[in-house]
Amino acid sequence: MAKIKLTAWDSAKYLKTEEDIKRYFEACIEEDPGDGSLIRTGLGNIARAKNMAQLARDTGLAREGLYKALSMEGNPEFSTIMKVITALGLSLKAERTAA
């Protein structure tokens, strides 16, 4: 029986175009469980796909700090999230939903 080698899924590898990134970020917002964890992790994946070092320069934040803040265990301030969103060329939009 042949062994099957599995590797961890890394969504950053599949974020090739600006449209891919936009749709991925929209999905993260829609599917977030309400604690921001999926949004935070999604931004981390987008940042890795685009260049974390450049994002650090664009936001004025330390690269290592960004990795930590945008991980599942991270707990960044909202201002950090907004800096990252802006530097990545993304935006948040408000939309009324049924309560």
PDB file of N, CA and C in Angstrom:
ATOM      1  N   MET A   1       0.845  -1.176   0.000  1.00  0.00           N
ATOM      2  CA  MET A   1       0.000   0.000   0.000  1.00  0.00           C
ATOM      3  C   MET A   1       0.895   1.246   0.000  1.00  0.00           C
ATOM      4  N   ALA A   2       0.631   2.154  -0.923  1.00  0.00           N
ATOM      5  CA  ALA A   2       1.423   3.378  -1.041  1.00  0.00           C
ATOM      6  C   ALA A   2       1.021   4.370   0.044  1.00  0.00           C
ATOM      7  N   LYS A   3       2.010   5.029   0.590  1.00  0.00           N
ATOM      8  CA  LYS A   3       1.738   6.051   1.597  1.00  0.00           C
ATOM      9  C   LYS A   3       1.314   7.340   0.916  1.00  0.00           C
ATOM     10  N   ILE A   4       0.378   8.011   1.527  1.00  0.00           N
ATOM     11  CA  ILE A   4      -0.083   9.291   1.014  1.00  0.00           C
ATOM     12  C   ILE A   4       0.512  10.374   1.906  1.00  0.00           C
ATOM     13  N   LYS A   5       1.172  11.315   1.264  1.00  0.00           N
ATOM     14  CA  LYS A   5       1.764  12.414   2.028  1.00  0.00           C
ATOM     15  C   LYS A   5       0.808  13.604   1.995  1.00  0.00           C
ATOM     16  N   LEU A   6       0.404  14.064   3.157  1.00  0.00           N
ATOM     17  CA  LEU A   6      -0.493  15.202   3.277  1.00  0.00           C
ATOM     18  C   LEU A   6       0.268  16.416   3.781  1.00  0.00           C
ATOM     19  N   THR A   7      -0.130  17.564   3.326  1.00  0.00           N
ATOM     20  CA  THR A   7       0.458  18.805   3.823  1.00  0.00           C
ATOM     21  C   THR A   7      -0.660  19.690   4.357  1.00  0.00           C
ATOM     22  N   ALA A   8      -0.304  20.585   5.238  1.00  0.00           N
ATOM     23  CA  ALA A   8      -1.289  21.504   5.820  1.00  0.00           C
ATOM     24  C   ALA A   8      -1.815  22.446   4.740  1.00  0.00           C
ATOM     25  N   TRP A   9      -3.110  22.728   4.797  1.00  0.00           N
ATOM     26  CA  TRP A   9      -3.733  23.657   3.858  1.00  0.00           C
ATOM     27  C   TRP A   9      -3.250  25.063   4.183  1.00  0.00           C
ATOM     28  N   ASP A  10      -2.833  25.802   3.195  1.00  0.00           N
ATOM     29  CA  ASP A  10      -2.407  27.185   3.381  1.00  0.00           C
ATOM     30  C   ASP A  10      -3.124  28.043   2.352  1.00  0.00           C
ATOM     31  N   SER A  11      -4.179  28.714   2.782  1.00  0.00           N
ATOM     32  CA  SER A  11      -4.979  29.502   1.842  1.00  0.00           C
ATOM     33  C   SER A  11      -4.175  30.631   1.215  1.00  0.00           C
ATOM     34  N   ALA A  12      -3.112  31.091   1.863  1.00  0.00           N
ATOM     35  CA  ALA A  12      -2.290  32.170   1.303  1.00  0.00           C
ATOM     36  C   ALA A  12      -1.726  31.784  -0.071  1.00  0.00           C
ATOM     37  N   LYS A  13      -1.492  30.506  -0.283  1.00  0.00           N
ATOM     38  CA  LYS A  13      -0.953  30.041  -1.566  1.00  0.00           C
ATOM     39  C   LYS A  13      -1.930  30.228  -2.720  1.00  0.00           C
ATOM     40  N   TYR A  14      -3.209  30.370  -2.404  1.00  0.00           N
ATOM     41  CA  TYR A  14      -4.239  30.441  -3.428  1.00  0.00           C
ATOM     42  C   TYR A  14      -4.785  31.848  -3.638  1.00  0.00           C
ATOM     43  N   LEU A  15      -4.248  32.806  -2.932  1.00  0.00           N
ATOM     44  CA  LEU A  15      -4.675  34.199  -3.071  1.00  0.00           C
ATOM     45  C   LEU A  15      -3.757  34.885  -4.064  1.00  0.00           C
ATOM     46  N   LYS A  16      -4.018  34.668  -5.333  1.00  0.00           N
ATOM     47  CA  LYS A  16      -3.129  35.128  -6.400  1.00  0.00           C
ATOM     48  C   LYS A  16      -3.494  36.489  -6.964  1.00  0.00           C
ATOM     49  N   THR A  17      -4.786  36.799  -7.015  1.00  0.00           N
ATOM     50  CA  THR A  17      -5.217  38.053  -7.638  1.00  0.00           C
ATOM     51  C   THR A  17      -5.934  38.938  -6.613  1.00  0.00           C
ATOM     52  N   GLU A  18      -6.099  40.192  -6.965  1.00  0.00           N
ATOM     53  CA  GLU A  18      -6.838  41.111  -6.091  1.00  0.00           C
ATOM     54  C   GLU A  18      -8.284  40.655  -5.926  1.00  0.00           C
ATOM     55  N   GLU A  19      -8.850  40.065  -6.967  1.00  0.00           N
ATOM     56  CA  GLU A  19     -10.225  39.539  -6.885  1.00  0.00           C
ATOM     57  C   GLU A  19     -10.287  38.354  -5.921  1.00  0.00           C
ATOM     58  N   ASP A  20      -9.281  37.465  -5.968  1.00  0.00           N
ATOM     59  CA  ASP A  20      -9.211  36.351  -5.017  1.00  0.00           C
ATOM     60  C   ASP A  20      -9.199  36.884  -3.595  1.00  0.00           C
ATOM     61  N   ILE A  21      -8.379  37.899  -3.357  1.00  0.00           N
ATOM     62  CA  ILE A  21      -8.220  38.478  -2.020  1.00  0.00           C
ATOM     63  C   ILE A  21      -9.524  39.119  -1.561  1.00  0.00           C
ATOM     64  N   LYS A  22     -10.160  39.862  -2.445  1.00  0.00           N
ATOM     65  CA  LYS A  22     -11.425  40.529  -2.110  1.00  0.00           C
ATOM     66  C   LYS A  22     -12.486  39.504  -1.713  1.00  0.00           C
ATOM     67  N   ARG A  23     -12.649  38.490  -2.528  1.00  0.00           N
ATOM     68  CA  ARG A  23     -13.673  37.475  -2.253  1.00  0.00           C
ATOM     69  C   ARG A  23     -13.354  36.688  -0.984  1.00  0.00           C
ATOM     70  N   TYR A  24     -12.096  36.389  -0.769  1.00  0.00           N
ATOM     71  CA  TYR A  24     -11.680  35.678   0.435  1.00  0.00           C
ATOM     72  C   TYR A  24     -11.985  36.516   1.681  1.00  0.00           C
ATOM     73  N   PHE A  25     -11.643  37.800   1.639  1.00  0.00           N
ATOM     74  CA  PHE A  25     -11.901  38.670   2.782  1.00  0.00           C
ATOM     75  C   PHE A  25     -13.404  38.797   3.036  1.00  0.00           C
ATOM     76  N   GLU A  26     -14.194  38.930   1.982  1.00  0.00           N
ATOM     77  CA  GLU A  26     -15.651  38.988   2.133  1.00  0.00           C
ATOM     78  C   GLU A  26     -16.179  37.717   2.798  1.00  0.00           C
ATOM     79  N   ALA A  27     -15.656  36.562   2.382  1.00  0.00           N
ATOM     80  CA  ALA A  27     -16.085  35.292   2.981  1.00  0.00           C
ATOM     81  C   ALA A  27     -15.694  35.222   4.453  1.00  0.00           C
ATOM     82  N   CYS A  28     -14.511  35.706   4.795  1.00  0.00           N
ATOM     83  CA  CYS A  28     -14.071  35.713   6.191  1.00  0.00           C
ATOM     84  C   CYS A  28     -15.008  36.566   7.045  1.00  0.00           C
ATOM     85  N   ILE A  29     -15.405  37.717   6.521  1.00  0.00           N
ATOM     86  CA  ILE A  29     -16.326  38.588   7.244  1.00  0.00           C
ATOM     87  C   ILE A  29     -17.671  37.888   7.425  1.00  0.00           C
ATOM     88  N   GLU A  30     -18.193  37.304   6.353  1.00  0.00           N
ATOM     89  CA  GLU A  30     -19.502  36.645   6.403  1.00  0.00           C
ATOM     90  C   GLU A  30     -19.514  35.431   7.313  1.00  0.00           C
ATOM     91  N   GLU A  31     -18.434  34.671   7.331  1.00  0.00           N
ATOM     92  CA  GLU A  31     -18.402  33.415   8.079  1.00  0.00           C
ATOM     93  C   GLU A  31     -17.831  33.538   9.493  1.00  0.00           C
ATOM     94  N   ASP A  32     -17.345  34.718   9.867  1.00  0.00           N
ATOM     95  CA  ASP A  32     -16.765  34.905  11.193  1.00  0.00           C
ATOM     96  C   ASP A  32     -17.807  34.545  12.257  1.00  0.00           C
ATOM     97  N   PRO A  33     -17.392  33.804  13.289  1.00  0.00           N
ATOM     98  CA  PRO A  33     -18.347  33.387  14.318  1.00  0.00           C
ATOM     99  C   PRO A  33     -18.777  34.502  15.275  1.00  0.00           C
ATOM    100  N   GLY A  34     -18.286  35.706  15.075  1.00  0.00           N
ATOM    101  CA  GLY A  34     -18.682  36.821  15.934  1.00  0.00           C
ATOM    102  C   GLY A  34     -17.599  37.287  16.880  1.00  0.00           C
ATOM    103  N   ASP A  35     -16.468  36.593  16.885  1.00  0.00           N
ATOM    104  CA  ASP A  35     -15.379  36.986  17.768  1.00  0.00           C
ATOM    105  C   ASP A  35     -14.192  37.595  17.017  1.00  0.00           C
ATOM    106  N   GLY A  36     -14.331  37.734  15.718  1.00  0.00           N
ATOM    107  CA  GLY A  36     -13.273  38.322  14.905  1.00  0.00           C
ATOM    108  C   GLY A  36     -12.153  37.367  14.537  1.00  0.00           C
ATOM    109  N   SER A  37     -12.216  36.124  15.003  1.00  0.00           N
ATOM    110  CA  SER A  37     -11.109  35.192  14.780  1.00  0.00           C
ATOM    111  C   SER A  37     -10.897  34.871  13.300  1.00  0.00           C
ATOM    112  N   LEU A  38     -11.961  34.688  12.553  1.00  0.00           N
ATOM    113  CA  LEU A  38     -11.808  34.363  11.134  1.00  0.00           C
ATOM    114  C   LEU A  38     -11.349  35.582  10.337  1.00  0.00           C
ATOM    115  N   ILE A  39     -11.830  36.756  10.706  1.00  0.00           N
ATOM    116  CA  ILE A  39     -11.378  37.990  10.052  1.00  0.00           C
ATOM    117  C   ILE A  39      -9.895  38.198  10.310  1.00  0.00           C
ATOM    118  N   ARG A  40      -9.498  38.040  11.547  1.00  0.00           N
ATOM    119  CA  ARG A  40      -8.096  38.221  11.942  1.00  0.00           C
ATOM    120  C   ARG A  40      -7.190  37.229  11.211  1.00  0.00           C
ATOM    121  N   THR A  41      -7.577  35.971  11.216  1.00  0.00           N
ATOM    122  CA  THR A  41      -6.774  34.954  10.551  1.00  0.00           C
ATOM    123  C   THR A  41      -6.765  35.170   9.038  1.00  0.00           C
ATOM    124  N   GLY A  42      -7.910  35.547   8.489  1.00  0.00           N
ATOM    125  CA  GLY A  42      -7.978  35.837   7.058  1.00  0.00           C
ATOM    126  C   GLY A  42      -7.048  36.965   6.662  1.00  0.00           C
ATOM    127  N   LEU A  43      -7.022  38.011   7.466  1.00  0.00           N
ATOM    128  CA  LEU A  43      -6.102  39.122   7.188  1.00  0.00           C
ATOM    129  C   LEU A  43      -4.654  38.651   7.260  1.00  0.00           C
ATOM    130  N   GLY A  44      -4.363  37.758   8.188  1.00  0.00           N
ATOM    131  CA  GLY A  44      -3.011  37.196   8.279  1.00  0.00           C
ATOM    132  C   GLY A  44      -2.644  36.411   7.025  1.00  0.00           C
ATOM    133  N   ASN A  45      -3.591  35.633   6.519  1.00  0.00           N
ATOM    134  CA  ASN A  45      -3.348  34.870   5.291  1.00  0.00           C
ATOM    135  C   ASN A  45      -3.150  35.799   4.091  1.00  0.00           C
ATOM    136  N   ILE A  46      -3.966  36.835   4.010  1.00  0.00           N
ATOM    137  CA  ILE A  46      -3.816  37.815   2.926  1.00  0.00           C
ATOM    138  C   ILE A  46      -2.466  38.513   3.035  1.00  0.00           C
ATOM    139  N   ALA A  47      -2.083  38.882   4.241  1.00  0.00           N
ATOM    140  CA  ALA A  47      -0.801  39.556   4.463  1.00  0.00           C
ATOM    141  C   ALA A  47       0.363  38.673   4.031  1.00  0.00           C
ATOM    142  N   ARG A  48       0.298  37.378   4.355  1.00  0.00           N
ATOM    143  CA  ARG A  48       1.363  36.464   3.937  1.00  0.00           C
ATOM    144  C   ARG A  48       1.378  36.308   2.423  1.00  0.00           C
ATOM    145  N   ALA A  49       0.205  36.303   1.802  1.00  0.00           N
ATOM    146  CA  ALA A  49       0.135  36.174   0.346  1.00  0.00           C
ATOM    147  C   ALA A  49       0.716  37.399  -0.347  1.00  0.00           C
ATOM    148  N   LYS A  50       0.526  38.566   0.247  1.00  0.00           N
ATOM    149  CA  LYS A  50       0.967  39.810  -0.402  1.00  0.00           C
ATOM    150  C   LYS A  50       2.400  40.189  -0.035  1.00  0.00           C
ATOM    151  N   ASN A  51       2.853  39.907   1.169  1.00  0.00           N
ATOM    152  CA  ASN A  51       4.198  40.214   1.639  1.00  0.00           C
ATOM    153  C   ASN A  51       4.113  40.857   3.018  1.00  0.00           C
ATOM    154  N   MET A  52       4.310  40.051   4.027  1.00  0.00           N
ATOM    155  CA  MET A  52       4.192  40.514   5.409  1.00  0.00           C
ATOM    156  C   MET A  52       5.202  41.615   5.727  1.00  0.00           C
ATOM    157  N   ALA A  53       6.405  41.514   5.184  1.00  0.00           N
ATOM    158  CA  ALA A  53       7.429  42.528   5.450  1.00  0.00           C
ATOM    159  C   ALA A  53       6.995  43.890   4.902  1.00  0.00           C
ATOM    160  N   GLN A  54       6.413  43.894   3.709  1.00  0.00           N
ATOM    161  CA  GLN A  54       5.934  45.151   3.131  1.00  0.00           C
ATOM    162  C   GLN A  54       4.770  45.702   3.948  1.00  0.00           C
ATOM    163  N   LEU A  55       3.896  44.836   4.403  1.00  0.00           N
ATOM    164  CA  LEU A  55       2.774  45.273   5.238  1.00  0.00           C
ATOM    165  C   LEU A  55       3.282  45.911   6.521  1.00  0.00           C
ATOM    166  N   ALA A  56       4.311  45.331   7.104  1.00  0.00           N
ATOM    167  CA  ALA A  56       4.897  45.908   8.315  1.00  0.00           C
ATOM    168  C   ALA A  56       5.399  47.323   8.033  1.00  0.00           C
ATOM    169  N   ARG A  57       6.072  47.513   6.910  1.00  0.00           N
ATOM    170  CA  ARG A  57       6.547  48.853   6.559  1.00  0.00           C
ATOM    171  C   ARG A  57       5.375  49.803   6.321  1.00  0.00           C
ATOM    172  N   ASP A  58       4.345  49.331   5.625  1.00  0.00           N
ATOM    173  CA  ASP A  58       3.202  50.186   5.299  1.00  0.00           C
ATOM    174  C   ASP A  58       2.393  50.593   6.528  1.00  0.00           C
ATOM    175  N   THR A  59       2.340  49.724   7.529  1.00  0.00           N
ATOM    176  CA  THR A  59       1.559  50.019   8.736  1.00  0.00           C
ATOM    177  C   THR A  59       2.390  50.642   9.848  1.00  0.00           C
ATOM    178  N   GLY A  60       3.712  50.519   9.743  1.00  0.00           N
ATOM    179  CA  GLY A  60       4.569  51.004  10.814  1.00  0.00           C
ATOM    180  C   GLY A  60       4.598  50.072  12.010  1.00  0.00           C
ATOM    181  N   LEU A  61       4.136  48.841  11.817  1.00  0.00           N
ATOM    182  CA  LEU A  61       4.104  47.845  12.891  1.00  0.00           C
ATOM    183  C   LEU A  61       5.191  46.809  12.653  1.00  0.00           C
ATOM    184  N   ALA A  62       5.656  46.176  13.719  1.00  0.00           N
ATOM    185  CA  ALA A  62       6.698  45.160  13.600  1.00  0.00           C
ATOM    186  C   ALA A  62       6.155  43.918  12.909  1.00  0.00           C
ATOM    187  N   ARG A  63       6.951  43.333  12.034  1.00  0.00           N
ATOM    188  CA  ARG A  63       6.545  42.134  11.307  1.00  0.00           C
ATOM    189  C   ARG A  63       6.164  41.001  12.259  1.00  0.00           C
ATOM    190  N   GLU A  64       6.990  40.779  13.273  1.00  0.00           N
ATOM    191  CA  GLU A  64       6.718  39.712  14.242  1.00  0.00           C
ATOM    192  C   GLU A  64       5.415  39.988  14.992  1.00  0.00           C
ATOM    193  N   GLY A  65       5.175  41.261  15.306  1.00  0.00           N
ATOM    194  CA  GLY A  65       3.941  41.646  15.982  1.00  0.00           C
ATOM    195  C   GLY A  65       2.720  41.408  15.113  1.00  0.00           C
ATOM    196  N   LEU A  66       2.874  41.644  13.814  1.00  0.00           N
ATOM    197  CA  LEU A  66       1.771  41.391  12.890  1.00  0.00           C
ATOM    198  C   LEU A  66       1.457  39.899  12.803  1.00  0.00           C
ATOM    199  N   TYR A  67       2.498  39.068  12.707  1.00  0.00           N
ATOM    200  CA  TYR A  67       2.263  37.623  12.677  1.00  0.00           C
ATOM    201  C   TYR A  67       1.463  37.192  13.901  1.00  0.00           C
ATOM    202  N   LYS A  68       1.850  37.680  15.062  1.00  0.00           N
ATOM    203  CA  LYS A  68       1.172  37.312  16.308  1.00  0.00           C
ATOM    204  C   LYS A  68      -0.251  37.871  16.340  1.00  0.00           C
ATOM    205  N   ALA A  69      -0.402  39.154  16.013  1.00  0.00           N
ATOM    206  CA  ALA A  69      -1.715  39.803  16.075  1.00  0.00           C
ATOM    207  C   ALA A  69      -2.711  39.163  15.127  1.00  0.00           C
ATOM    208  N   LEU A  70      -2.244  38.712  13.962  1.00  0.00           N
ATOM    209  CA  LEU A  70      -3.133  38.178  12.933  1.00  0.00           C
ATOM    210  C   LEU A  70      -3.219  36.653  12.959  1.00  0.00           C
ATOM    211  N   SER A  71      -2.828  36.060  14.067  1.00  0.00           N
ATOM    212  CA  SER A  71      -2.941  34.610  14.219  1.00  0.00           C
ATOM    213  C   SER A  71      -4.232  34.280  14.973  1.00  0.00           C
ATOM    214  N   MET A  72      -4.558  33.002  15.056  1.00  0.00           N
ATOM    215  CA  MET A  72      -5.750  32.573  15.791  1.00  0.00           C
ATOM    216  C   MET A  72      -5.659  32.970  17.269  1.00  0.00           C
ATOM    217  N   GLU A  73      -4.455  33.028  17.796  1.00  0.00           N
ATOM    218  CA  GLU A  73      -4.269  33.362  19.203  1.00  0.00           C
ATOM    219  C   GLU A  73      -4.157  34.869  19.443  1.00  0.00           C
ATOM    220  N   GLY A  74      -4.064  35.640  18.371  1.00  0.00           N
ATOM    221  CA  GLY A  74      -3.879  37.085  18.484  1.00  0.00           C
ATOM    222  C   GLY A  74      -5.101  37.788  19.052  1.00  0.00           C
ATOM    223  N   ASN A  75      -4.853  38.965  19.594  1.00  0.00           N
ATOM    224  CA  ASN A  75      -5.930  39.794  20.118  1.00  0.00           C
ATOM    225  C   ASN A  75      -5.571  41.261  19.867  1.00  0.00           C
ATOM    226  N   PRO A  76      -5.491  41.640  18.585  1.00  0.00           N
ATOM    227  CA  PRO A  76      -5.042  43.002  18.263  1.00  0.00           C
ATOM    228  C   PRO A  76      -6.105  44.043  18.581  1.00  0.00           C
ATOM    229  N   GLU A  77      -5.645  45.262  18.776  1.00  0.00           N
ATOM    230  CA  GLU A  77      -6.578  46.371  18.931  1.00  0.00           C
ATOM    231  C   GLU A  77      -7.263  46.619  17.597  1.00  0.00           C
ATOM    232  N   PHE A  78      -8.451  47.216  17.658  1.00  0.00           N
ATOM    233  CA  PHE A  78      -9.195  47.491  16.427  1.00  0.00           C
ATOM    234  C   PHE A  78      -8.403  48.424  15.523  1.00  0.00           C
ATOM    235  N   SER A  79      -7.665  49.348  16.106  1.00  0.00           N
ATOM    236  CA  SER A  79      -6.868  50.271  15.284  1.00  0.00           C
ATOM    237  C   SER A  79      -5.816  49.513  14.475  1.00  0.00           C
ATOM    238  N   THR A  80      -5.272  48.441  15.029  1.00  0.00           N
ATOM    239  CA  THR A  80      -4.309  47.619  14.292  1.00  0.00           C
ATOM    240  C   THR A  80      -4.996  46.935  13.120  1.00  0.00           C
ATOM    241  N   ILE A  81      -6.179  46.386  13.356  1.00  0.00           N
ATOM    242  CA  ILE A  81      -6.935  45.741  12.281  1.00  0.00           C
ATOM    243  C   ILE A  81      -7.224  46.745  11.171  1.00  0.00           C
ATOM    244  N   MET A  82      -7.630  47.946  11.534  1.00  0.00           N
ATOM    245  CA  MET A  82      -7.939  48.957  10.527  1.00  0.00           C
ATOM    246  C   MET A  82      -6.692  49.376   9.748  1.00  0.00           C
ATOM    247  N   LYS A  83      -5.547  49.475  10.406  1.00  0.00           N
ATOM    248  CA  LYS A  83      -4.299  49.792   9.703  1.00  0.00           C
ATOM    249  C   LYS A  83      -3.979  48.712   8.679  1.00  0.00           C
ATOM    250  N   VAL A  84      -4.158  47.467   9.080  1.00  0.00           N
ATOM    251  CA  VAL A  84      -3.871  46.339   8.197  1.00  0.00           C
ATOM    252  C   VAL A  84      -4.829  46.336   7.009  1.00  0.00           C
ATOM    253  N   ILE A  85      -6.118  46.494   7.279  1.00  0.00           N
ATOM    254  CA  ILE A  85      -7.120  46.503   6.210  1.00  0.00           C
ATOM    255  C   ILE A  85      -6.800  47.600   5.195  1.00  0.00           C
ATOM    256  N   THR A  86      -6.500  48.785   5.687  1.00  0.00           N
ATOM    257  CA  THR A  86      -6.193  49.911   4.811  1.00  0.00           C
ATOM    258  C   THR A  86      -4.915  49.655   4.005  1.00  0.00           C
ATOM    259  N   ALA A  87      -3.873  49.175   4.665  1.00  0.00           N
ATOM    260  CA  ALA A  87      -2.601  48.920   3.981  1.00  0.00           C
ATOM    261  C   ALA A  87      -2.732  47.819   2.922  1.00  0.00           C
ATOM    262  N   LEU A  88      -3.662  46.902   3.115  1.00  0.00           N
ATOM    263  CA  LEU A  88      -3.875  45.831   2.145  1.00  0.00           C
ATOM    264  C   LEU A  88      -4.784  46.267   0.995  1.00  0.00           C
ATOM    265  N   GLY A  89      -5.276  47.498   1.061  1.00  0.00           N
ATOM    266  CA  GLY A  89      -6.142  48.002   0.002  1.00  0.00           C
ATOM    267  C   GLY A  89      -7.566  47.473   0.100  1.00  0.00           C
ATOM    268  N   LEU A  90      -7.972  47.065   1.295  1.00  0.00           N
ATOM    269  CA  LEU A  90      -9.306  46.545   1.525  1.00  0.00           C
ATOM    270  C   LEU A  90     -10.126  47.574   2.294  1.00  0.00           C
ATOM    271  N   SER A  91     -11.408  47.285   2.485  1.00  0.00           N
ATOM    272  CA  SER A  91     -12.254  48.154   3.305  1.00  0.00           C
ATOM    273  C   SER A  91     -13.345  47.327   3.945  1.00  0.00           C
ATOM    274  N   LEU A  92     -13.924  47.876   4.990  1.00  0.00           N
ATOM    275  CA  LEU A  92     -15.097  47.287   5.633  1.00  0.00           C
ATOM    276  C   LEU A  92     -16.306  48.082   5.188  1.00  0.00           C
ATOM    277  N   LYS A  93     -17.393  47.419   4.955  1.00  0.00           N
ATOM    278  CA  LYS A  93     -18.624  48.079   4.541  1.00  0.00           C
ATOM    279  C   LYS A  93     -19.728  47.702   5.512  1.00  0.00           C
ATOM    280  N   ALA A  94     -20.546  48.681   5.862  1.00  0.00           N
ATOM    281  CA  ALA A  94     -21.702  48.421   6.725  1.00  0.00           C
ATOM    282  C   ALA A  94     -22.906  48.087   5.872  1.00  0.00           C
ATOM    283  N   GLU A  95     -23.652  47.109   6.321  1.00  0.00           N
ATOM    284  CA  GLU A  95     -24.841  46.686   5.601  1.00  0.00           C
ATOM    285  C   GLU A  95     -25.865  46.251   6.634  1.00  0.00           C
ATOM    286  N   ARG A  96     -27.079  46.710   6.486  1.00  0.00           N
ATOM    287  CA  ARG A  96     -28.136  46.360   7.422  1.00  0.00           C
ATOM    288  C   ARG A  96     -28.542  44.912   7.217  1.00  0.00           C
ATOM    289  N   THR A  97     -28.630  44.167   8.311  1.00  0.00           N
ATOM    290  CA  THR A  97     -29.060  42.785   8.263  1.00  0.00           C
ATOM    291  C   THR A  97     -30.325  42.618   9.088  1.00  0.00           C
ATOM    292  N   ALA A  98     -31.047  41.571   8.839  1.00  0.00           N
ATOM    293  CA  ALA A  98     -32.244  41.285   9.635  1.00  0.00           C
ATOM    294  C   ALA A  98     -31.794  40.833  11.018  1.00  0.00           C
ATOM    295  N   ALA A  99     -32.387  41.421  12.031  1.00  0.00           N
ATOM    296  CA  ALA A  99     -31.995  41.087  13.416  1.00  0.00           C
ATOM    297  C   ALA A  99     -32.648  39.836  13.899  1.00  0.00           C
TER     298      ALA A  99
END
